[in-house]
Amino acid sequence: MSVREEFDEWAADGRDKGMEDRHWHTAKHALARMPVEEGDVVLDLGCGSGYVGRALRETKGAGRVYGLDGSPEMARNAQSYTDDGSVGFLVGDFDELPFADDSVDHVWSMEAFYYAADPHHTLEEVARVLRPGGTFFCAVNYYEENVHSREWQEFISVEMTRWSAAEYREAFRDAGLHVAEQDNVPDRETEIPPADAFPTDDWESREDMVERYRTYGTLLTVGVAP
């Protein structure tokens, strides 16, 4: 199954809103760090419901936000969730970004980068479209160190890339991006039951659940275009 087919089904089932609710726990903290200034152009790769574009317009005054998704249904849903004419949605993949060189101030991607068919080339494309000094904020929960997300591949037909934190840094640099920072953004909002409630259907122990959300959380890697 292709990315388009997989996520068209998700959108039709309303799972785009579910992803938005879960991702927001850590996304809002990472977005607060983005040096977006009033009037900046922002590209959201794998935009899903489009919540990032809406948030950046409301909180930072981004000038124009483009959400790109491989699923037409996701893009259609996202467009229906806003009447802001400065937020638009495109259907496409990460291999050839439909933007001119040096035309975007910032790129964001949350829980989507690992679906890229050729992640190294995607990073080259990000570096190409970014203006000098522009940033790429890449947030993922599916990465090598997070042992609690390794099983995700079993539940989705699209091939996923599982890099370590070091591999993300190396790939960013190979693509010509400076690595400005990299850290784990904890999810402090997911409720964790008391120890006597375990095991559950999803967790063997409370310690595992704490580690997943409070320790590993979301891996954020920030690249800067020279």
C-alpha atoms as a PDB file:
ATOM      1  CA  MET A   1       0.000   0.000   0.000  1.00  0.00           C
ATOM      2  CA  SER A   2       1.279   3.472  -0.863  1.00  0.00           C
ATOM      3  CA  VAL A   3       1.544   6.463   1.475  1.00  0.00           C
ATOM      4  CA  ARG A   4      -1.399   7.965  -0.379  1.00  0.00           C
ATOM      5  CA  GLU A   5      -3.604   4.908   0.058  1.00  0.00           C
ATOM      6  CA  GLU A   6      -2.635   4.374   3.698  1.00  0.00           C
ATOM      7  CA  PHE A   7      -3.350   7.909   4.813  1.00  0.00           C
ATOM      8  CA  ASP A   8      -6.388   8.420   2.623  1.00  0.00           C
ATOM      9  CA  GLU A   9      -7.904   5.656   4.756  1.00  0.00           C
ATOM     10  CA  TRP A  10      -6.771   7.386   7.946  1.00  0.00           C
ATOM     11  CA  ALA A  11      -8.320  10.668   6.827  1.00  0.00           C
ATOM     12  CA  ALA A  12     -11.584   9.010   5.813  1.00  0.00           C
ATOM     13  CA  ASP A  13     -11.777   7.398   9.263  1.00  0.00           C
ATOM     14  CA  GLY A  14     -11.173  10.716  11.033  1.00  0.00           C
ATOM     15  CA  ARG A  15      -7.823   9.645  12.407  1.00  0.00           C
ATOM     16  CA  ASP A  16      -6.213  12.906  11.300  1.00  0.00           C
ATOM     17  CA  LYS A  17      -7.815  14.660  14.262  1.00  0.00           C
ATOM     18  CA  GLY A  18      -6.661  11.897  16.588  1.00  0.00           C
ATOM     19  CA  MET A  19      -3.081  12.372  15.429  1.00  0.00           C
ATOM     20  CA  GLU A  20      -3.404  16.115  15.960  1.00  0.00           C
ATOM     21  CA  ASP A  21      -4.528  15.616  19.560  1.00  0.00           C
ATOM     22  CA  ARG A  22      -1.676  13.239  20.376  1.00  0.00           C
ATOM     23  CA  HIS A  23       1.071  15.145  18.567  1.00  0.00           C
ATOM     24  CA  TRP A  24       0.126  18.466  20.104  1.00  0.00           C
ATOM     25  CA  HIS A  25       1.446  17.336  23.509  1.00  0.00           C
ATOM     26  CA  THR A  26       5.019  17.775  22.303  1.00  0.00           C
ATOM     27  CA  ALA A  27       4.562  19.684  19.047  1.00  0.00           C
ATOM     28  CA  LYS A  28       3.485  22.871  20.813  1.00  0.00           C
ATOM     29  CA  HIS A  29       6.727  22.991  22.798  1.00  0.00           C
ATOM     30  CA  ALA A  30       8.859  22.451  19.699  1.00  0.00           C
ATOM     31  CA  LEU A  31       6.859  25.010  17.696  1.00  0.00           C
ATOM     32  CA  ALA A  32       7.411  27.584  20.433  1.00  0.00           C
ATOM     33  CA  ARG A  33      11.145  27.342  19.711  1.00  0.00           C
ATOM     34  CA  MET A  34      10.830  27.994  15.991  1.00  0.00           C
ATOM     35  CA  PRO A  35      12.262  31.431  15.153  1.00  0.00           C
ATOM     36  CA  VAL A  36       9.288  32.298  12.946  1.00  0.00           C
ATOM     37  CA  GLU A  37       8.878  36.033  12.434  1.00  0.00           C
ATOM     38  CA  GLU A  38       5.852  37.886  11.168  1.00  0.00           C
ATOM     39  CA  GLY A  39       5.471  37.387   7.420  1.00  0.00           C
ATOM     40  CA  ASP A  40       7.740  34.317   7.170  1.00  0.00           C
ATOM     41  CA  VAL A  41       6.950  31.501   4.743  1.00  0.00           C
ATOM     42  CA  VAL A  42       6.656  28.078   6.391  1.00  0.00           C
ATOM     43  CA  LEU A  43       6.366  24.618   4.847  1.00  0.00           C
ATOM     44  CA  ASP A  44       4.826  21.766   6.864  1.00  0.00           C
ATOM     45  CA  LEU A  45       5.900  18.363   5.487  1.00  0.00           C
ATOM     46  CA  GLY A  46       3.332  15.651   6.139  1.00  0.00           C
ATOM     47  CA  CYS A  47       0.838  18.193   7.423  1.00  0.00           C
ATOM     48  CA  GLY A  48      -2.012  15.836   8.317  1.00  0.00           C
ATOM     49  CA  SER A  49      -4.894  17.905   9.678  1.00  0.00           C
ATOM     50  CA  GLY A  50      -2.944  21.135   9.179  1.00  0.00           C
ATOM     51  CA  TYR A  51      -2.829  22.066  12.864  1.00  0.00           C
ATOM     52  CA  VAL A  52       0.748  23.387  12.611  1.00  0.00           C
ATOM     53  CA  GLY A  53      -0.112  25.943   9.962  1.00  0.00           C
ATOM     54  CA  ARG A  54      -3.072  27.171  11.959  1.00  0.00           C
ATOM     55  CA  ALA A  55      -0.989  27.432  15.123  1.00  0.00           C
ATOM     56  CA  LEU A  56       1.874  29.328  13.467  1.00  0.00           C
ATOM     57  CA  ARG A  57      -0.509  31.818  11.940  1.00  0.00           C
ATOM     58  CA  GLU A  58      -2.257  32.393  15.257  1.00  0.00           C
ATOM     59  CA  THR A  59       0.765  32.492  17.576  1.00  0.00           C
ATOM     60  CA  LYS A  60       3.648  33.794  15.454  1.00  0.00           C
ATOM     61  CA  GLY A  61       2.024  35.658  12.604  1.00  0.00           C
ATOM     62  CA  ALA A  62       3.589  33.524   9.875  1.00  0.00           C
ATOM     63  CA  GLY A  63       2.890  35.175   6.535  1.00  0.00           C
ATOM     64  CA  ARG A  64       2.148  32.140   4.423  1.00  0.00           C
ATOM     65  CA  VAL A  65       2.009  28.505   5.483  1.00  0.00           C
ATOM     66  CA  TYR A  66       1.967  25.603   3.053  1.00  0.00           C
ATOM     67  CA  GLY A  67       1.013  22.126   4.200  1.00  0.00           C
ATOM     68  CA  LEU A  68       2.174  19.289   1.965  1.00  0.00           C
ATOM     69  CA  ASP A  69       0.806  15.771   2.342  1.00  0.00           C
ATOM     70  CA  GLY A  70       0.918  12.621   0.246  1.00  0.00           C
ATOM     71  CA  SER A  71      -2.759  11.971   0.928  1.00  0.00           C
ATOM     72  CA  PRO A  72      -5.360  13.969  -1.034  1.00  0.00           C
ATOM     73  CA  GLU A  73      -7.915  13.191   1.654  1.00  0.00           C
ATOM     74  CA  MET A  74      -5.647  14.561   4.377  1.00  0.00           C
ATOM     75  CA  ALA A  75      -5.060  17.756   2.388  1.00  0.00           C
ATOM     76  CA  ARG A  76      -8.777  18.094   1.680  1.00  0.00           C
ATOM     77  CA  ASN A  77      -9.656  17.654   5.343  1.00  0.00           C
ATOM     78  CA  ALA A  78      -6.970  20.115   6.405  1.00  0.00           C
ATOM     79  CA  GLN A  79      -8.284  22.766   4.044  1.00  0.00           C
ATOM     80  CA  SER A  80     -11.788  22.306   5.438  1.00  0.00           C
ATOM     81  CA  TYR A  81     -10.555  22.993   8.983  1.00  0.00           C
ATOM     82  CA  THR A  82      -9.560  26.609   8.235  1.00  0.00           C
ATOM     83  CA  ASP A  83     -10.900  29.637   6.441  1.00  0.00           C
ATOM     84  CA  ASP A  84      -7.545  31.437   6.635  1.00  0.00           C
ATOM     85  CA  GLY A  85      -6.539  32.356   3.091  1.00  0.00           C
ATOM     86  CA  SER A  86      -2.862  32.447   4.076  1.00  0.00           C
ATOM     87  CA  VAL A  87      -2.837  28.716   4.838  1.00  0.00           C
ATOM     88  CA  GLY A  88      -2.873  26.396   1.841  1.00  0.00           C
ATOM     89  CA  PHE A  89      -2.474  22.666   1.284  1.00  0.00           C
ATOM     90  CA  LEU A  90      -0.742  20.725  -1.484  1.00  0.00           C
ATOM     91  CA  VAL A  91      -0.701  17.065  -2.457  1.00  0.00           C
ATOM     92  CA  GLY A  92       2.764  15.706  -3.139  1.00  0.00           C
ATOM     93  CA  ASP A  93       5.628  13.628  -1.825  1.00  0.00           C
ATOM     94  CA  PHE A  94       8.920  14.499  -0.226  1.00  0.00           C
ATOM     95  CA  ASP A  95      11.113  13.536  -3.191  1.00  0.00           C
ATOM     96  CA  GLU A  96      10.628  16.694  -5.248  1.00  0.00           C
ATOM     97  CA  LEU A  97       9.313  19.623  -3.243  1.00  0.00           C
ATOM     98  CA  PRO A  98       7.266  21.981  -5.451  1.00  0.00           C
ATOM     99  CA  PHE A  99       9.092  25.112  -4.304  1.00  0.00           C
ATOM    100  CA  ALA A 100      11.829  27.250  -5.812  1.00  0.00           C
ATOM    101  CA  ASP A 101      15.343  27.385  -4.422  1.00  0.00           C
ATOM    102  CA  ASP A 102      15.728  29.660  -1.379  1.00  0.00           C
ATOM    103  CA  SER A 103      11.983  30.345  -1.193  1.00  0.00           C
ATOM    104  CA  VAL A 104      10.999  29.102   2.296  1.00  0.00           C
ATOM    105  CA  ASP A 105      11.984  30.541   5.667  1.00  0.00           C
ATOM    106  CA  HIS A 106      11.248  27.485   7.803  1.00  0.00           C
ATOM    107  CA  VAL A 107      10.317  23.837   7.317  1.00  0.00           C
ATOM    108  CA  TRP A 108       8.527  21.731   9.901  1.00  0.00           C
ATOM    109  CA  SER A 109       7.785  17.997   9.979  1.00  0.00           C
ATOM    110  CA  MET A 110       6.087  16.097  12.793  1.00  0.00           C
ATOM    111  CA  GLU A 111       5.802  12.322  12.733  1.00  0.00           C
ATOM    112  CA  ALA A 112       6.143  12.202   8.949  1.00  0.00           C
ATOM    113  CA  PHE A 113       9.780  12.393   7.912  1.00  0.00           C
ATOM    114  CA  TYR A 114      10.334   8.660   8.365  1.00  0.00           C
ATOM    115  CA  TYR A 115       7.828   7.943   5.581  1.00  0.00           C
ATOM    116  CA  ALA A 116      10.111   9.534   2.989  1.00  0.00           C
ATOM    117  CA  ALA A 117      11.051   7.039   0.267  1.00  0.00           C
ATOM    118  CA  ASP A 118      14.571   8.516   0.134  1.00  0.00           C
ATOM    119  CA  PRO A 119      15.144  10.464   3.357  1.00  0.00           C
ATOM    120  CA  HIS A 120      18.621  11.624   2.339  1.00  0.00           C
ATOM    121  CA  HIS A 121      17.223  13.166  -0.829  1.00  0.00           C
ATOM    122  CA  THR A 122      14.360  14.708   1.145  1.00  0.00           C
ATOM    123  CA  LEU A 123      16.916  16.474   3.335  1.00  0.00           C
ATOM    124  CA  GLU A 124      18.667  17.738   0.212  1.00  0.00           C
ATOM    125  CA  GLU A 125      15.331  19.073  -1.009  1.00  0.00           C
ATOM    126  CA  VAL A 126      14.718  20.774   2.333  1.00  0.00           C
ATOM    127  CA  ALA A 127      18.162  22.371   2.165  1.00  0.00           C
ATOM    128  CA  ARG A 128      17.466  23.503  -1.413  1.00  0.00           C
ATOM    129  CA  VAL A 129      14.189  25.312  -0.673  1.00  0.00           C
ATOM    130  CA  LEU A 130      15.351  26.934   2.579  1.00  0.00           C
ATOM    131  CA  ARG A 131      16.635  30.474   2.502  1.00  0.00           C
ATOM    132  CA  PRO A 132      20.049  31.103   4.121  1.00  0.00           C
ATOM    133  CA  GLY A 133      19.553  30.965   7.869  1.00  0.00           C
ATOM    134  CA  GLY A 134      16.257  29.105   7.514  1.00  0.00           C
ATOM    135  CA  THR A 135      15.489  26.221   9.840  1.00  0.00           C
ATOM    136  CA  PHE A 136      14.193  22.675   9.589  1.00  0.00           C
ATOM    137  CA  PHE A 137      12.466  21.397  12.724  1.00  0.00           C
ATOM    138  CA  CYS A 138      12.135  17.610  12.414  1.00  0.00           C
ATOM    139  CA  ALA A 139      10.170  15.856  15.167  1.00  0.00           C
ATOM    140  CA  VAL A 140       9.807  12.060  15.370  1.00  0.00           C
ATOM    141  CA  ASN A 141       8.715   9.483  17.923  1.00  0.00           C
ATOM    142  CA  TYR A 142       9.821   6.584  15.736  1.00  0.00           C
ATOM    143  CA  TYR A 143      13.601   6.444  16.139  1.00  0.00           C
ATOM    144  CA  GLU A 144      16.178   3.866  17.142  1.00  0.00           C
ATOM    145  CA  GLU A 145      16.611   4.727  20.811  1.00  0.00           C
ATOM    146  CA  ASN A 146      12.881   4.671  21.481  1.00  0.00           C
ATOM    147  CA  VAL A 147      12.437   0.941  22.003  1.00  0.00           C
ATOM    148  CA  HIS A 148       8.730   1.443  22.659  1.00  0.00           C
ATOM    149  CA  SER A 149       8.021   2.579  19.098  1.00  0.00           C
ATOM    150  CA  ARG A 150       9.880  -0.155  17.230  1.00  0.00           C
ATOM    151  CA  GLU A 151       6.749  -2.237  16.791  1.00  0.00           C
ATOM    152  CA  TRP A 152       4.989   0.533  14.866  1.00  0.00           C
ATOM    153  CA  GLN A 153       6.199  -0.852  11.548  1.00  0.00           C
ATOM    154  CA  GLU A 154       4.098  -3.967  12.173  1.00  0.00           C
ATOM    155  CA  PHE A 155       0.904  -1.909  12.065  1.00  0.00           C
ATOM    156  CA  ILE A 156       1.475   0.091   8.899  1.00  0.00           C
ATOM    157  CA  SER A 157       2.148  -1.103   5.374  1.00  0.00           C
ATOM    158  CA  VAL A 158       4.322   1.869   4.382  1.00  0.00           C
ATOM    159  CA  GLU A 159       8.062   1.272   4.843  1.00  0.00           C
ATOM    160  CA  MET A 160       9.459   3.469   7.625  1.00  0.00           C
ATOM    161  CA  THR A 161      13.005   4.687   8.257  1.00  0.00           C
ATOM    162  CA  ARG A 162      14.233   4.210  11.816  1.00  0.00           C
ATOM    163  CA  TRP A 163      17.360   6.284  12.363  1.00  0.00           C
ATOM    164  CA  SER A 164      19.188   6.881  15.619  1.00  0.00           C
ATOM    165  CA  ALA A 165      19.711  10.397  16.941  1.00  0.00           C
ATOM    166  CA  ALA A 166      23.291  10.276  15.665  1.00  0.00           C
ATOM    167  CA  GLU A 167      22.128   9.170  12.224  1.00  0.00           C
ATOM    168  CA  TYR A 168      19.757  12.134  12.061  1.00  0.00           C
ATOM    169  CA  ARG A 169      22.604  14.517  12.867  1.00  0.00           C
ATOM    170  CA  GLU A 170      24.882  12.904  10.295  1.00  0.00           C
ATOM    171  CA  ALA A 171      22.209  12.941   7.579  1.00  0.00           C
ATOM    172  CA  PHE A 172      21.386  16.599   8.224  1.00  0.00           C
ATOM    173  CA  ARG A 173      25.052  17.514   7.882  1.00  0.00           C
ATOM    174  CA  ASP A 174      25.486  15.409   4.746  1.00  0.00           C
ATOM    175  CA  ALA A 175      22.622  17.374   3.189  1.00  0.00           C
ATOM    176  CA  GLY A 176      24.359  20.656   3.971  1.00  0.00           C
ATOM    177  CA  LEU A 177      22.388  21.639   7.075  1.00  0.00           C
ATOM    178  CA  HIS A 178      24.063  22.732  10.284  1.00  0.00           C
ATOM    179  CA  VAL A 179      22.691  20.917  13.335  1.00  0.00           C
ATOM    180  CA  ALA A 180      21.702  23.668  15.739  1.00  0.00           C
ATOM    181  CA  GLU A 181      20.219  21.440  18.428  1.00  0.00           C
ATOM    182  CA  GLN A 182      18.855  18.010  19.143  1.00  0.00           C
ATOM    183  CA  ASP A 183      17.009  16.858  22.215  1.00  0.00           C
ATOM    184  CA  ASN A 184      14.021  14.933  23.508  1.00  0.00           C
ATOM    185  CA  VAL A 185      10.793  16.807  24.147  1.00  0.00           C
ATOM    186  CA  PRO A 186       8.885  14.912  26.869  1.00  0.00           C
ATOM    187  CA  ASP A 187       5.149  14.317  26.733  1.00  0.00           C
ATOM    188  CA  ARG A 188       3.944  15.438  30.157  1.00  0.00           C
ATOM    189  CA  GLU A 189       0.250  15.408  29.293  1.00  0.00           C
ATOM    190  CA  THR A 190      -0.449  11.756  28.523  1.00  0.00           C
ATOM    191  CA  GLU A 191      -1.936  10.385  31.715  1.00  0.00           C
ATOM    192  CA  ILE A 192       0.014   7.568  33.311  1.00  0.00           C
ATOM    193  CA  PRO A 193      -2.030   5.353  35.671  1.00  0.00           C
ATOM    194  CA  PRO A 194      -0.728   4.200  39.082  1.00  0.00           C
ATOM    195  CA  ALA A 195       1.510   1.153  39.262  1.00  0.00           C
ATOM    196  CA  ASP A 196      -1.277  -1.139  40.464  1.00  0.00           C
ATOM    197  CA  ALA A 197      -3.140  -0.596  37.176  1.00  0.00           C
ATOM    198  CA  PHE A 198      -0.475  -2.479  35.212  1.00  0.00           C
ATOM    199  CA  PRO A 199      -0.074  -4.517  33.127  1.00  0.00           C
ATOM    200  CA  THR A 200      -2.518  -3.009  30.640  1.00  0.00           C
ATOM    201  CA  ASP A 201      -3.355  -3.995  27.064  1.00  0.00           C
ATOM    202  CA  ASP A 202      -0.474  -1.814  25.866  1.00  0.00           C
ATOM    203  CA  TRP A 203       2.056  -1.707  28.704  1.00  0.00           C
ATOM    204  CA  GLU A 204       3.744  -4.329  30.850  1.00  0.00           C
ATOM    205  CA  SER A 205       4.739  -1.869  33.554  1.00  0.00           C
ATOM    206  CA  ARG A 206       4.322   1.724  34.625  1.00  0.00           C
ATOM    207  CA  GLU A 207       8.075   2.174  34.254  1.00  0.00           C
ATOM    208  CA  ASP A 208       7.853   1.365  30.546  1.00  0.00           C
ATOM    209  CA  MET A 209       5.083   3.888  30.024  1.00  0.00           C
ATOM    210  CA  VAL A 210       6.942   6.582  31.957  1.00  0.00           C
ATOM    211  CA  GLU A 211      10.064   5.946  29.917  1.00  0.00           C
ATOM    212  CA  ARG A 212       8.151   6.163  26.627  1.00  0.00           C
ATOM    213  CA  TYR A 213       6.405   9.455  27.331  1.00  0.00           C
ATOM    214  CA  ARG A 214       8.493  11.272  29.917  1.00  0.00           C
ATOM    215  CA  THR A 215      11.993  10.205  28.862  1.00  0.00           C
ATOM    216  CA  TYR A 216      11.967   9.410  25.151  1.00  0.00           C
ATOM    217  CA  GLY A 217       9.056  11.601  24.149  1.00  0.00           C
ATOM    218  CA  THR A 218       9.691  13.206  20.769  1.00  0.00           C
ATOM    219  CA  LEU A 219      13.154  13.426  19.237  1.00  0.00           C
ATOM    220  CA  LEU A 220      13.632  16.926  17.844  1.00  0.00           C
ATOM    221  CA  THR A 221      16.467  17.679  15.441  1.00  0.00           C
ATOM    222  CA  VAL A 222      16.921  21.250  14.247  1.00  0.00           C
ATOM    223  CA  GLY A 223      18.885  22.033  11.110  1.00  0.00           C
ATOM    224  CA  VAL A 224      19.909  25.463   9.839  1.00  0.00           C
ATOM    225  CA  ALA A 225      20.628  26.310   6.201  1.00  0.00           C
ATOM    226  CA  PRO A 226      24.018  28.012   5.767  1.00  0.00           C
END
